[in-house]
Amino acid sequence: GGGGGSASAEGSASSESASGTPLEKLTGAELAARVRALRPIASRERADLEAAHAASMQALREETNQVKVKALRRIKELDAASRDLEDQLAAAKRECQAAGERAAQAEAAAEAAAL
């Protein structure tokens, strides 16, 4: 008695179905049944992908809004600080002007006293 001959692998891996039967040898009804079986899986995977995409887009929108809110808050803070500095500068100018006027008056008084 001899050993059984090795089965030759007919058909490439790409043309074989999951069960190992070459797709070309399946009947139309068998192919249709396989397509029907795969449809809900593909549909589920598509739904999962769409949900993941929607979730990532929502996360991106939330992150963008947080950045905008922080930026606007910072702009308001800087604007307030800028106005405060402008007020301080105006007050300092007024003080210098008043000091200059007092110095001029003191100088005039000193000149009058010298006469």
PDB file of N, CA and C in Angstrom:
ATOM      1  N   GLY A   1       0.823  -1.197   0.000  1.00  0.00           N
ATOM      2  CA  GLY A   1       0.000   0.000   0.000  1.00  0.00           C
ATOM      3  C   GLY A   1       0.848   1.234   0.000  1.00  0.00           C
ATOM      4  N   GLY A   2       0.514   2.215  -0.842  1.00  0.00           N
ATOM      5  CA  GLY A   2       1.278   3.455  -0.866  1.00  0.00           C
ATOM      6  C   GLY A   2       0.549   4.590  -0.199  1.00  0.00           C
ATOM      7  N   GLY A   3       1.273   5.660   0.117  1.00  0.00           N
ATOM      8  CA  GLY A   3       0.637   6.827   0.746  1.00  0.00           C
ATOM      9  C   GLY A   3      -0.153   7.610  -0.277  1.00  0.00           C
ATOM     10  N   GLY A   4      -1.146   8.386   0.194  1.00  0.00           N
ATOM     11  CA  GLY A   4      -1.979   9.180  -0.715  1.00  0.00           C
ATOM     12  C   GLY A   4      -1.172  10.312  -1.314  1.00  0.00           C
ATOM     13  N   GLY A   5      -1.436  10.624  -2.575  1.00  0.00           N
ATOM     14  CA  GLY A   5      -0.722  11.723  -3.222  1.00  0.00           C
ATOM     15  C   GLY A   5      -1.085  13.067  -2.592  1.00  0.00           C
ATOM     16  N   SER A   6      -0.172  14.037  -2.619  1.00  0.00           N
ATOM     17  CA  SER A   6      -0.474  15.342  -2.030  1.00  0.00           C
ATOM     18  C   SER A   6      -1.435  16.092  -2.955  1.00  0.00           C
ATOM     19  N   ALA A   7      -2.408  16.735  -2.368  1.00  0.00           N
ATOM     20  CA  ALA A   7      -3.394  17.474  -3.170  1.00  0.00           C
ATOM     21  C   ALA A   7      -2.751  18.735  -3.712  1.00  0.00           C
ATOM     22  N   SER A   8      -2.873  18.950  -5.029  1.00  0.00           N
ATOM     23  CA  SER A   8      -2.270  20.165  -5.591  1.00  0.00           C
ATOM     24  C   SER A   8      -3.161  21.355  -5.257  1.00  0.00           C
ATOM     25  N   ALA A   9      -2.560  22.460  -4.859  1.00  0.00           N
ATOM     26  CA  ALA A   9      -3.323  23.661  -4.488  1.00  0.00           C
ATOM     27  C   ALA A   9      -3.744  24.381  -5.756  1.00  0.00           C
ATOM     28  N   GLU A  10      -5.001  24.184  -6.120  1.00  0.00           N
ATOM     29  CA  GLU A  10      -5.493  24.866  -7.319  1.00  0.00           C
ATOM     30  C   GLU A  10      -6.139  26.186  -6.921  1.00  0.00           C
ATOM     31  N   GLY A  11      -5.902  27.242  -7.717  1.00  0.00           N
ATOM     32  CA  GLY A  11      -6.494  28.541  -7.400  1.00  0.00           C
ATOM     33  C   GLY A  11      -5.663  29.258  -6.365  1.00  0.00           C
ATOM     34  N   SER A  12      -5.445  30.540  -6.595  1.00  0.00           N
ATOM     35  CA  SER A  12      -4.659  31.316  -5.633  1.00  0.00           C
ATOM     36  C   SER A  12      -5.487  31.587  -4.381  1.00  0.00           C
ATOM     37  N   ALA A  13      -4.807  32.030  -3.339  1.00  0.00           N
ATOM     38  CA  ALA A  13      -5.486  32.302  -2.073  1.00  0.00           C
ATOM     39  C   ALA A  13      -6.561  33.372  -2.245  1.00  0.00           C
ATOM     40  N   SER A  14      -6.329  34.333  -3.156  1.00  0.00           N
ATOM     41  CA  SER A  14      -7.279  35.432  -3.328  1.00  0.00           C
ATOM     42  C   SER A  14      -8.594  34.955  -3.942  1.00  0.00           C
ATOM     43  N   SER A  15      -8.551  33.866  -4.728  1.00  0.00           N
ATOM     44  CA  SER A  15      -9.785  33.420  -5.369  1.00  0.00           C
ATOM     45  C   SER A  15     -10.471  32.305  -4.566  1.00  0.00           C
ATOM     46  N   GLU A  16      -9.939  31.990  -3.394  1.00  0.00           N
ATOM     47  CA  GLU A  16     -10.584  30.966  -2.569  1.00  0.00           C
ATOM     48  C   GLU A  16     -11.447  31.612  -1.506  1.00  0.00           C
ATOM     49  N   SER A  17     -12.563  30.979  -1.226  1.00  0.00           N
ATOM     50  CA  SER A  17     -13.441  31.488  -0.181  1.00  0.00           C
ATOM     51  C   SER A  17     -12.905  31.019   1.166  1.00  0.00           C
ATOM     52  N   ALA A  18     -13.533  31.500   2.230  1.00  0.00           N
ATOM     53  CA  ALA A  18     -13.073  31.171   3.579  1.00  0.00           C
ATOM     54  C   ALA A  18     -13.101  29.668   3.836  1.00  0.00           C
ATOM     55  N   SER A  19     -14.053  28.965   3.216  1.00  0.00           N
ATOM     56  CA  SER A  19     -14.161  27.519   3.463  1.00  0.00           C
ATOM     57  C   SER A  19     -13.139  26.717   2.658  1.00  0.00           C
ATOM     58  N   GLY A  20     -12.382  27.409   1.763  1.00  0.00           N
ATOM     59  CA  GLY A  20     -11.383  26.706   0.981  1.00  0.00           C
ATOM     60  C   GLY A  20     -11.889  26.315  -0.393  1.00  0.00           C
ATOM     61  N   THR A  21     -13.187  26.427  -0.627  1.00  0.00           N
ATOM     62  CA  THR A  21     -13.737  26.123  -1.951  1.00  0.00           C
ATOM     63  C   THR A  21     -13.423  27.282  -2.889  1.00  0.00           C
ATOM     64  N   PRO A  22     -12.844  27.003  -4.074  1.00  0.00           N
ATOM     65  CA  PRO A  22     -12.591  28.110  -5.000  1.00  0.00           C
ATOM     66  C   PRO A  22     -13.895  28.824  -5.330  1.00  0.00           C
ATOM     67  N   LEU A  23     -13.877  30.146  -5.294  1.00  0.00           N
ATOM     68  CA  LEU A  23     -15.103  30.916  -5.527  1.00  0.00           C
ATOM     69  C   LEU A  23     -15.719  30.608  -6.886  1.00  0.00           C
ATOM     70  N   GLU A  24     -14.859  30.291  -7.878  1.00  0.00           N
ATOM     71  CA  GLU A  24     -15.375  30.005  -9.226  1.00  0.00           C
ATOM     72  C   GLU A  24     -16.288  28.778  -9.232  1.00  0.00           C
ATOM     73  N   LYS A  25     -16.083  27.860  -8.255  1.00  0.00           N
ATOM     74  CA  LYS A  25     -16.867  26.624  -8.248  1.00  0.00           C
ATOM     75  C   LYS A  25     -18.180  26.755  -7.485  1.00  0.00           C
ATOM     76  N   LEU A  26     -18.404  27.906  -6.829  1.00  0.00           N
ATOM     77  CA  LEU A  26     -19.665  28.094  -6.101  1.00  0.00           C
ATOM     78  C   LEU A  26     -20.774  28.420  -7.088  1.00  0.00           C
ATOM     79  N   THR A  27     -21.982  27.965  -6.759  1.00  0.00           N
ATOM     80  CA  THR A  27     -23.126  28.290  -7.621  1.00  0.00           C
ATOM     81  C   THR A  27     -23.565  29.719  -7.325  1.00  0.00           C
ATOM     82  N   GLY A  28     -24.374  30.264  -8.201  1.00  0.00           N
ATOM     83  CA  GLY A  28     -24.906  31.614  -7.997  1.00  0.00           C
ATOM     84  C   GLY A  28     -25.622  31.737  -6.663  1.00  0.00           C
ATOM     85  N   ALA A  29     -26.388  30.718  -6.314  1.00  0.00           N
ATOM     86  CA  ALA A  29     -27.148  30.747  -5.062  1.00  0.00           C
ATOM     87  C   ALA A  29     -26.206  30.756  -3.863  1.00  0.00           C
ATOM     88  N   GLU A  30     -25.118  29.944  -3.960  1.00  0.00           N
ATOM     89  CA  GLU A  30     -24.149  29.904  -2.853  1.00  0.00           C
ATOM     90  C   GLU A  30     -23.450  31.256  -2.696  1.00  0.00           C
ATOM     91  N   LEU A  31     -23.084  31.867  -3.832  1.00  0.00           N
ATOM     92  CA  LEU A  31     -22.446  33.188  -3.778  1.00  0.00           C
ATOM     93  C   LEU A  31     -23.401  34.210  -3.165  1.00  0.00           C
ATOM     94  N   ALA A  32     -24.653  34.164  -3.599  1.00  0.00           N
ATOM     95  CA  ALA A  32     -25.660  35.099  -3.079  1.00  0.00           C
ATOM     96  C   ALA A  32     -25.822  34.918  -1.576  1.00  0.00           C
ATOM     97  N   ALA A  33     -25.809  33.650  -1.122  1.00  0.00           N
ATOM     98  CA  ALA A  33     -25.954  33.364   0.310  1.00  0.00           C
ATOM     99  C   ALA A  33     -24.777  33.946   1.085  1.00  0.00           C
ATOM    100  N   ARG A  34     -23.554  33.819   0.503  1.00  0.00           N
ATOM    101  CA  ARG A  34     -22.363  34.366   1.178  1.00  0.00           C
ATOM    102  C   ARG A  34     -22.420  35.886   1.254  1.00  0.00           C
ATOM    103  N   VAL A  35     -22.857  36.508   0.152  1.00  0.00           N
ATOM    104  CA  VAL A  35     -22.979  37.973   0.133  1.00  0.00           C
ATOM    105  C   VAL A  35     -23.975  38.411   1.206  1.00  0.00           C
ATOM    106  N   ARG A  36     -25.113  37.680   1.288  1.00  0.00           N
ATOM    107  CA  ARG A  36     -26.127  38.012   2.302  1.00  0.00           C
ATOM    108  C   ARG A  36     -25.554  37.870   3.709  1.00  0.00           C
ATOM    109  N   ALA A  37     -24.727  36.856   3.910  1.00  0.00           N
ATOM    110  CA  ALA A  37     -24.136  36.623   5.235  1.00  0.00           C
ATOM    111  C   ALA A  37     -23.132  37.718   5.579  1.00  0.00           C
ATOM    112  N   LEU A  38     -22.418  38.211   4.547  1.00  0.00           N
ATOM    113  CA  LEU A  38     -21.406  39.243   4.796  1.00  0.00           C
ATOM    114  C   LEU A  38     -22.003  40.633   4.965  1.00  0.00           C
ATOM    115  N   ARG A  39     -23.181  40.862   4.369  1.00  0.00           N
ATOM    116  CA  ARG A  39     -23.767  42.201   4.400  1.00  0.00           C
ATOM    117  C   ARG A  39     -23.937  42.769   5.802  1.00  0.00           C
ATOM    118  N   PRO A  40     -24.541  42.021   6.762  1.00  0.00           N
ATOM    119  CA  PRO A  40     -24.707  42.602   8.106  1.00  0.00           C
ATOM    120  C   PRO A  40     -23.361  42.903   8.788  1.00  0.00           C
ATOM    121  N   ILE A  41     -22.347  42.083   8.496  1.00  0.00           N
ATOM    122  CA  ILE A  41     -21.013  42.313   9.076  1.00  0.00           C
ATOM    123  C   ILE A  41     -20.456  43.624   8.524  1.00  0.00           C
ATOM    124  N   ALA A  42     -20.525  43.777   7.198  1.00  0.00           N
ATOM    125  CA  ALA A  42     -20.035  45.004   6.562  1.00  0.00           C
ATOM    126  C   ALA A  42     -20.821  46.209   7.066  1.00  0.00           C
ATOM    127  N   SER A  43     -22.129  46.024   7.198  1.00  0.00           N
ATOM    128  CA  SER A  43     -23.002  47.097   7.665  1.00  0.00           C
ATOM    129  C   SER A  43     -22.639  47.509   9.091  1.00  0.00           C
ATOM    130  N   ARG A  44     -22.377  46.491   9.947  1.00  0.00           N
ATOM    131  CA  ARG A  44     -21.976  46.758  11.339  1.00  0.00           C
ATOM    132  C   ARG A  44     -20.648  47.495  11.379  1.00  0.00           C
ATOM    133  N   GLU A  45     -19.690  47.029  10.560  1.00  0.00           N
ATOM    134  CA  GLU A  45     -18.370  47.667  10.533  1.00  0.00           C
ATOM    135  C   GLU A  45     -18.474  49.102  10.055  1.00  0.00           C
ATOM    136  N   ARG A  46     -19.333  49.326   9.045  1.00  0.00           N
ATOM    137  CA  ARG A  46     -19.525  50.692   8.547  1.00  0.00           C
ATOM    138  C   ARG A  46     -20.140  51.566   9.640  1.00  0.00           C
ATOM    139  N   ALA A  47     -21.139  51.027  10.345  1.00  0.00           N
ATOM    140  CA  ALA A  47     -21.785  51.779  11.430  1.00  0.00           C
ATOM    141  C   ALA A  47     -20.762  52.115  12.522  1.00  0.00           C
ATOM    142  N   ASP A  48     -19.895  51.133  12.844  1.00  0.00           N
ATOM    143  CA  ASP A  48     -18.849  51.373  13.857  1.00  0.00           C
ATOM    144  C   ASP A  48     -17.905  52.477  13.411  1.00  0.00           C
ATOM    145  N   LEU A  49     -17.494  52.420  12.136  1.00  0.00           N
ATOM    146  CA  LEU A  49     -16.587  53.443  11.597  1.00  0.00           C
ATOM    147  C   LEU A  49     -17.244  54.818  11.617  1.00  0.00           C
ATOM    148  N   GLU A  50     -18.536  54.861  11.210  1.00  0.00           N
ATOM    149  CA  GLU A  50     -19.245  56.143  11.202  1.00  0.00           C
ATOM    150  C   GLU A  50     -19.383  56.689  12.618  1.00  0.00           C
ATOM    151  N   ALA A  51     -19.654  55.807  13.576  1.00  0.00           N
ATOM    152  CA  ALA A  51     -19.784  56.239  14.970  1.00  0.00           C
ATOM    153  C   ALA A  51     -18.444  56.753  15.497  1.00  0.00           C
ATOM    154  N   ALA A  52     -17.367  56.048  15.168  1.00  0.00           N
ATOM    155  CA  ALA A  52     -16.031  56.469  15.606  1.00  0.00           C
ATOM    156  C   ALA A  52     -15.675  57.816  14.982  1.00  0.00           C
ATOM    157  N   HIS A  53     -16.018  57.978  13.708  1.00  0.00           N
ATOM    158  CA  HIS A  53     -15.748  59.249  13.014  1.00  0.00           C
ATOM    159  C   HIS A  53     -16.544  60.375  13.669  1.00  0.00           C
ATOM    160  N   ALA A  54     -17.819  60.135  13.933  1.00  0.00           N
ATOM    161  CA  ALA A  54     -18.673  61.151  14.560  1.00  0.00           C
ATOM    162  C   ALA A  54     -18.129  61.520  15.939  1.00  0.00           C
ATOM    163  N   ALA A  55     -17.686  60.514  16.692  1.00  0.00           N
ATOM    164  CA  ALA A  55     -17.141  60.766  18.031  1.00  0.00           C
ATOM    165  C   ALA A  55     -15.863  61.587  17.955  1.00  0.00           C
ATOM    166  N   SER A  56     -14.992  61.264  16.988  1.00  0.00           N
ATOM    167  CA  SER A  56     -13.738  62.013  16.881  1.00  0.00           C
ATOM    168  C   SER A  56     -13.999  63.439  16.417  1.00  0.00           C
ATOM    169  N   MET A  57     -14.978  63.621  15.512  1.00  0.00           N
ATOM    170  CA  MET A  57     -15.325  64.969  15.063  1.00  0.00           C
ATOM    171  C   MET A  57     -15.905  65.779  16.227  1.00  0.00           C
ATOM    172  N   GLN A  58     -16.740  65.144  17.045  1.00  0.00           N
ATOM    173  CA  GLN A  58     -17.324  65.821  18.208  1.00  0.00           C
ATOM    174  C   GLN A  58     -16.219  66.218  19.190  1.00  0.00           C
ATOM    175  N   ALA A  59     -15.266  65.309  19.420  1.00  0.00           N
ATOM    176  CA  ALA A  59     -14.149  65.604  20.325  1.00  0.00           C
ATOM    177  C   ALA A  59     -13.327  66.771  19.781  1.00  0.00           C
ATOM    178  N   LEU A  60     -13.120  66.770  18.465  1.00  0.00           N
ATOM    179  CA  LEU A  60     -12.364  67.853  17.829  1.00  0.00           C
ATOM    180  C   LEU A  60     -13.092  69.186  17.987  1.00  0.00           C
ATOM    181  N   ARG A  61     -14.429  69.172  17.781  1.00  0.00           N
ATOM    182  CA  ARG A  61     -15.217  70.409  17.949  1.00  0.00           C
ATOM    183  C   ARG A  61     -15.123  70.914  19.383  1.00  0.00           C
ATOM    184  N   GLU A  62     -15.246  69.993  20.358  1.00  0.00           N
ATOM    185  CA  GLU A  62     -15.175  70.393  21.767  1.00  0.00           C
ATOM    186  C   GLU A  62     -13.807  70.982  22.092  1.00  0.00           C
ATOM    187  N   GLU A  63     -12.753  70.339  21.591  1.00  0.00           N
ATOM    188  CA  GLU A  63     -11.388  70.816  21.835  1.00  0.00           C
ATOM    189  C   GLU A  63     -11.199  72.205  21.217  1.00  0.00           C
ATOM    190  N   THR A  64     -11.708  72.372  19.990  1.00  0.00           N
ATOM    191  CA  THR A  64     -11.616  73.668  19.304  1.00  0.00           C
ATOM    192  C   THR A  64     -12.347  74.742  20.097  1.00  0.00           C
ATOM    193  N   ASN A  65     -13.535  74.401  20.594  1.00  0.00           N
ATOM    194  CA  ASN A  65     -14.301  75.370  21.387  1.00  0.00           C
ATOM    195  C   ASN A  65     -13.568  75.738  22.662  1.00  0.00           C
ATOM    196  N   GLN A  66     -12.949  74.750  23.321  1.00  0.00           N
ATOM    197  CA  GLN A  66     -12.189  75.028  24.545  1.00  0.00           C
ATOM    198  C   GLN A  66     -11.030  75.974  24.253  1.00  0.00           C
ATOM    199  N   VAL A  67     -10.339  75.737  23.138  1.00  0.00           N
ATOM    200  CA  VAL A  67      -9.215  76.596  22.748  1.00  0.00           C
ATOM    201  C   VAL A  67      -9.724  78.014  22.488  1.00  0.00           C
ATOM    202  N   LYS A  68     -10.869  78.128  21.773  1.00  0.00           N
ATOM    203  CA  LYS A  68     -11.445  79.445  21.486  1.00  0.00           C
ATOM    204  C   LYS A  68     -11.796  80.170  22.779  1.00  0.00           C
ATOM    205  N   VAL A  69     -12.455  79.448  23.698  1.00  0.00           N
ATOM    206  CA  VAL A  69     -12.865  80.060  24.967  1.00  0.00           C
ATOM    207  C   VAL A  69     -11.641  80.554  25.728  1.00  0.00           C
ATOM    208  N   LYS A  70     -10.593  79.728  25.803  1.00  0.00           N
ATOM    209  CA  LYS A  70      -9.362  80.130  26.505  1.00  0.00           C
ATOM    210  C   LYS A  70      -8.731  81.338  25.840  1.00  0.00           C
ATOM    211  N   ALA A  71      -8.683  81.322  24.499  1.00  0.00           N
ATOM    212  CA  ALA A  71      -8.081  82.435  23.754  1.00  0.00           C
ATOM    213  C   ALA A  71      -8.865  83.721  23.991  1.00  0.00           C
ATOM    214  N   LEU A  72     -10.205  83.645  23.937  1.00  0.00           N
ATOM    215  CA  LEU A  72     -11.030  84.838  24.155  1.00  0.00           C
ATOM    216  C   LEU A  72     -10.851  85.373  25.575  1.00  0.00           C
ATOM    217  N   ARG A  73     -10.773  84.447  26.550  1.00  0.00           N
ATOM    218  CA  ARG A  73     -10.575  84.854  27.944  1.00  0.00           C
ATOM    219  C   ARG A  73      -9.237  85.580  28.082  1.00  0.00           C
ATOM    220  N   ARG A  74      -8.200  85.028  27.439  1.00  0.00           N
ATOM    221  CA  ARG A  74      -6.859  85.632  27.504  1.00  0.00           C
ATOM    222  C   ARG A  74      -6.856  87.006  26.832  1.00  0.00           C
ATOM    223  N   ILE A  75      -7.562  87.116  25.691  1.00  0.00           N
ATOM    224  CA  ILE A  75      -7.648  88.400  24.987  1.00  0.00           C
ATOM    225  C   ILE A  75      -8.309  89.439  25.893  1.00  0.00           C
ATOM    226  N   LYS A  76      -9.391  89.034  26.575  1.00  0.00           N
ATOM    227  CA  LYS A  76     -10.074  89.962  27.485  1.00  0.00           C
ATOM    228  C   LYS A  76      -9.146  90.391  28.613  1.00  0.00           C
ATOM    229  N   GLU A  77      -8.391  89.422  29.174  1.00  0.00           N
ATOM    230  CA  GLU A  77      -7.446  89.745  30.249  1.00  0.00           C
ATOM    231  C   GLU A  77      -6.393  90.743  29.766  1.00  0.00           C
ATOM    232  N   LEU A  78      -5.833  90.475  28.578  1.00  0.00           N
ATOM    233  CA  LEU A  78      -4.796  91.362  28.028  1.00  0.00           C
ATOM    234  C   LEU A  78      -5.369  92.738  27.714  1.00  0.00           C
ATOM    235  N   ASP A  79      -6.598  92.755  27.220  1.00  0.00           N
ATOM    236  CA  ASP A  79      -7.258  94.021  26.901  1.00  0.00           C
ATOM    237  C   ASP A  79      -7.447  94.845  28.177  1.00  0.00           C
ATOM    238  N   ALA A  80      -7.896  94.175  29.243  1.00  0.00           N
ATOM    239  CA  ALA A  80      -8.092  94.858  30.529  1.00  0.00           C
ATOM    240  C   ALA A  80      -6.757  95.369  31.069  1.00  0.00           C
ATOM    241  N   ALA A  81      -5.705  94.541  30.962  1.00  0.00           N
ATOM    242  CA  ALA A  81      -4.377  94.939  31.435  1.00  0.00           C
ATOM    243  C   ALA A  81      -3.870  96.126  30.629  1.00  0.00           C
ATOM    244  N   SER A  82      -4.124  96.116  29.322  1.00  0.00           N
ATOM    245  CA  SER A  82      -3.701  97.204  28.439  1.00  0.00           C
ATOM    246  C   SER A  82      -4.401  98.507  28.831  1.00  0.00           C
ATOM    247  N   ARG A  83      -5.723  98.432  29.064  1.00  0.00           N
ATOM    248  CA  ARG A  83      -6.475  99.624  29.483  1.00  0.00           C
ATOM    249  C   ARG A  83      -5.953 100.136  30.820  1.00  0.00           C
ATOM    250  N   ASP A  84      -5.642  99.210  31.726  1.00  0.00           N
ATOM    251  CA  ASP A  84      -5.121  99.584  33.045  1.00  0.00           C
ATOM    252  C   ASP A  84      -3.793 100.332  32.892  1.00  0.00           C
ATOM    253  N   LEU A  85      -2.909  99.810  32.007  1.00  0.00           N
ATOM    254  CA  LEU A  85      -1.619 100.472  31.773  1.00  0.00           C
ATOM    255  C   LEU A  85      -1.808 101.846  31.142  1.00  0.00           C
ATOM    256  N   GLU A  86      -2.772 101.951  30.213  1.00  0.00           N
ATOM    257  CA  GLU A  86      -3.054 103.248  29.593  1.00  0.00           C
ATOM    258  C   GLU A  86      -3.524 104.247  30.649  1.00  0.00           C
ATOM    259  N   ASP A  87      -4.377 103.781  31.562  1.00  0.00           N
ATOM    260  CA  ASP A  87      -4.859 104.649  32.656  1.00  0.00           C
ATOM    261  C   ASP A  87      -3.688 105.098  33.524  1.00  0.00           C
ATOM    262  N   GLN A  88      -2.799 104.132  33.852  1.00  0.00           N
ATOM    263  CA  GLN A  88      -1.630 104.465  34.680  1.00  0.00           C
ATOM    264  C   GLN A  88      -0.732 105.475  33.974  1.00  0.00           C
ATOM    265  N   LEU A  89      -0.540 105.290  32.655  1.00  0.00           N
ATOM    266  CA  LEU A  89       0.290 106.198  31.873  1.00  0.00           C
ATOM    267  C   LEU A  89      -0.319 107.601  31.869  1.00  0.00           C
ATOM    268  N   ALA A  90      -1.641 107.681  31.655  1.00  0.00           N
ATOM    269  CA  ALA A  90      -2.330 108.982  31.654  1.00  0.00           C
ATOM    270  C   ALA A  90      -2.189 109.653  33.020  1.00  0.00           C
ATOM    271  N   ALA A  91      -2.330 108.872  34.093  1.00  0.00           N
ATOM    272  CA  ALA A  91      -2.188 109.423  35.446  1.00  0.00           C
ATOM    273  C   ALA A  91      -0.762 109.927  35.666  1.00  0.00           C
ATOM    274  N   ALA A  92       0.228 109.177  35.196  1.00  0.00           N
ATOM    275  CA  ALA A  92       1.628 109.582  35.346  1.00  0.00           C
ATOM    276  C   ALA A  92       1.896 110.877  34.569  1.00  0.00           C
ATOM    277  N   LYS A  93       1.323 110.996  33.365  1.00  0.00           N
ATOM    278  CA  LYS A  93       1.486 112.221  32.559  1.00  0.00           C
ATOM    279  C   LYS A  93       0.891 113.413  33.309  1.00  0.00           C
ATOM    280  N   ARG A  94      -0.325 113.206  33.880  1.00  0.00           N
ATOM    281  CA  ARG A  94      -0.961 114.298  34.632  1.00  0.00           C
ATOM    282  C   ARG A  94      -0.097 114.709  35.816  1.00  0.00           C
ATOM    283  N   GLU A  95       0.474 113.719  36.513  1.00  0.00           N
ATOM    284  CA  GLU A  95       1.342 114.029  37.659  1.00  0.00           C
ATOM    285  C   GLU A  95       2.573 114.813  37.217  1.00  0.00           C
ATOM    286  N   CYS A  96       3.170 114.408  36.091  1.00  0.00           N
ATOM    287  CA  CYS A  96       4.348 115.120  35.569  1.00  0.00           C
ATOM    288  C   CYS A  96       3.985 116.554  35.213  1.00  0.00           C
ATOM    289  N   GLN A  97       2.829 116.702  34.573  1.00  0.00           N
ATOM    290  CA  GLN A  97       2.377 118.043  34.183  1.00  0.00           C
ATOM    291  C   GLN A  97       2.187 118.911  35.429  1.00  0.00           C
ATOM    292  N   ALA A  98       1.518 118.319  36.429  1.00  0.00           N
ATOM    293  CA  ALA A  98       1.271 119.079  37.672  1.00  0.00           C
ATOM    294  C   ALA A  98       2.593 119.436  38.351  1.00  0.00           C
ATOM    295  N   ALA A  99       3.535 118.470  38.372  1.00  0.00           N
ATOM    296  CA  ALA A  99       4.842 118.724  38.984  1.00  0.00           C
ATOM    297  C   ALA A  99       5.572 119.820  38.216  1.00  0.00           C
ATOM    298  N   GLY A 100       5.484 119.800  36.877  1.00  0.00           N
ATOM    299  CA  GLY A 100       6.104 120.830  36.041  1.00  0.00           C
ATOM    300  C   GLY A 100       5.522 122.206  36.335  1.00  0.00           C
ATOM    301  N   GLU A 101       4.183 122.237  36.479  1.00  0.00           N
ATOM    302  CA  GLU A 101       3.526 123.518  36.794  1.00  0.00           C
ATOM    303  C   GLU A 101       3.956 124.019  38.167  1.00  0.00           C
ATOM    304  N   ARG A 102       4.036 123.109  39.149  1.00  0.00           N
ATOM    305  CA  ARG A 102       4.471 123.515  40.498  1.00  0.00           C
ATOM    306  C   ARG A 102       5.912 124.034  40.449  1.00  0.00           C
ATOM    307  N   ALA A 103       6.774 123.362  39.675  1.00  0.00           N
ATOM    308  CA  ALA A 103       8.169 123.793  39.550  1.00  0.00           C
ATOM    309  C   ALA A 103       8.233 125.185  38.927  1.00  0.00           C
ATOM    310  N   ALA A 104       7.410 125.418  37.893  1.00  0.00           N
ATOM    311  CA  ALA A 104       7.383 126.735  37.243  1.00  0.00           C
ATOM    312  C   ALA A 104       6.917 127.806  38.217  1.00  0.00           C
ATOM    313  N   GLN A 105       5.902 127.463  39.016  1.00  0.00           N
ATOM    314  CA  GLN A 105       5.400 128.423  40.012  1.00  0.00           C
ATOM    315  C   GLN A 105       6.462 128.712  41.061  1.00  0.00           C
ATOM    316  N   ALA A 106       7.156 127.641  41.503  1.00  0.00           N
ATOM    317  CA  ALA A 106       8.205 127.817  42.511  1.00  0.00           C
ATOM    318  C   ALA A 106       9.330 128.674  41.943  1.00  0.00           C
ATOM    319  N   GLU A 107       9.656 128.441  40.679  1.00  0.00           N
ATOM    320  CA  GLU A 107      10.715 129.220  40.019  1.00  0.00           C
ATOM    321  C   GLU A 107      10.298 130.700  39.932  1.00  0.00           C
ATOM    322  N   ALA A 108       9.034 130.937  39.544  1.00  0.00           N
ATOM    323  CA  ALA A 108       8.514 132.297  39.437  1.00  0.00           C
ATOM    324  C   ALA A 108       8.541 132.957  40.808  1.00  0.00           C
ATOM    325  N   ALA A 109       8.150 132.198  41.824  1.00  0.00           N
ATOM    326  CA  ALA A 109       8.142 132.743  43.191  1.00  0.00           C
ATOM    327  C   ALA A 109       9.565 133.088  43.626  1.00  0.00           C
ATOM    328  N   ALA A 110      10.532 132.223  43.292  1.00  0.00           N
ATOM    329  CA  ALA A 110      11.945 132.449  43.676  1.00  0.00           C
ATOM    330  C   ALA A 110      12.461 133.696  42.963  1.00  0.00           C
ATOM    331  N   GLU A 111      12.079 133.855  41.671  1.00  0.00           N
ATOM    332  CA  GLU A 111      12.513 135.046  40.932  1.00  0.00           C
ATOM    333  C   GLU A 111      11.909 136.306  41.543  1.00  0.00           C
ATOM    334  N   ALA A 112      10.630 136.229  41.907  1.00  0.00           N
ATOM    335  CA  ALA A 112       9.943 137.376  42.504  1.00  0.00           C
ATOM    336  C   ALA A 112      10.600 137.725  43.836  1.00  0.00           C
ATOM    337  N   ALA A 113      10.986 136.730  44.594  1.00  0.00           N
ATOM    338  CA  ALA A 113      11.626 136.954  45.899  1.00  0.00           C
ATOM    339  C   ALA A 113      13.008 137.588  45.717  1.00  0.00           C
ATOM    340  N   ALA A 114      13.668 137.243  44.622  1.00  0.00           N
ATOM    341  CA  ALA A 114      15.017 137.756  44.354  1.00  0.00           C
ATOM    342  C   ALA A 114      14.978 139.217  43.927  1.00  0.00           C
ATOM    343  N   LEU A 115      13.839 139.668  43.409  1.00  0.00           N
ATOM    344  CA  LEU A 115      13.776 141.058  42.934  1.00  0.00           C
ATOM    345  C   LEU A 115      13.777 142.039  44.096  1.00  0.00           C
TER     346      LEU A 115
END
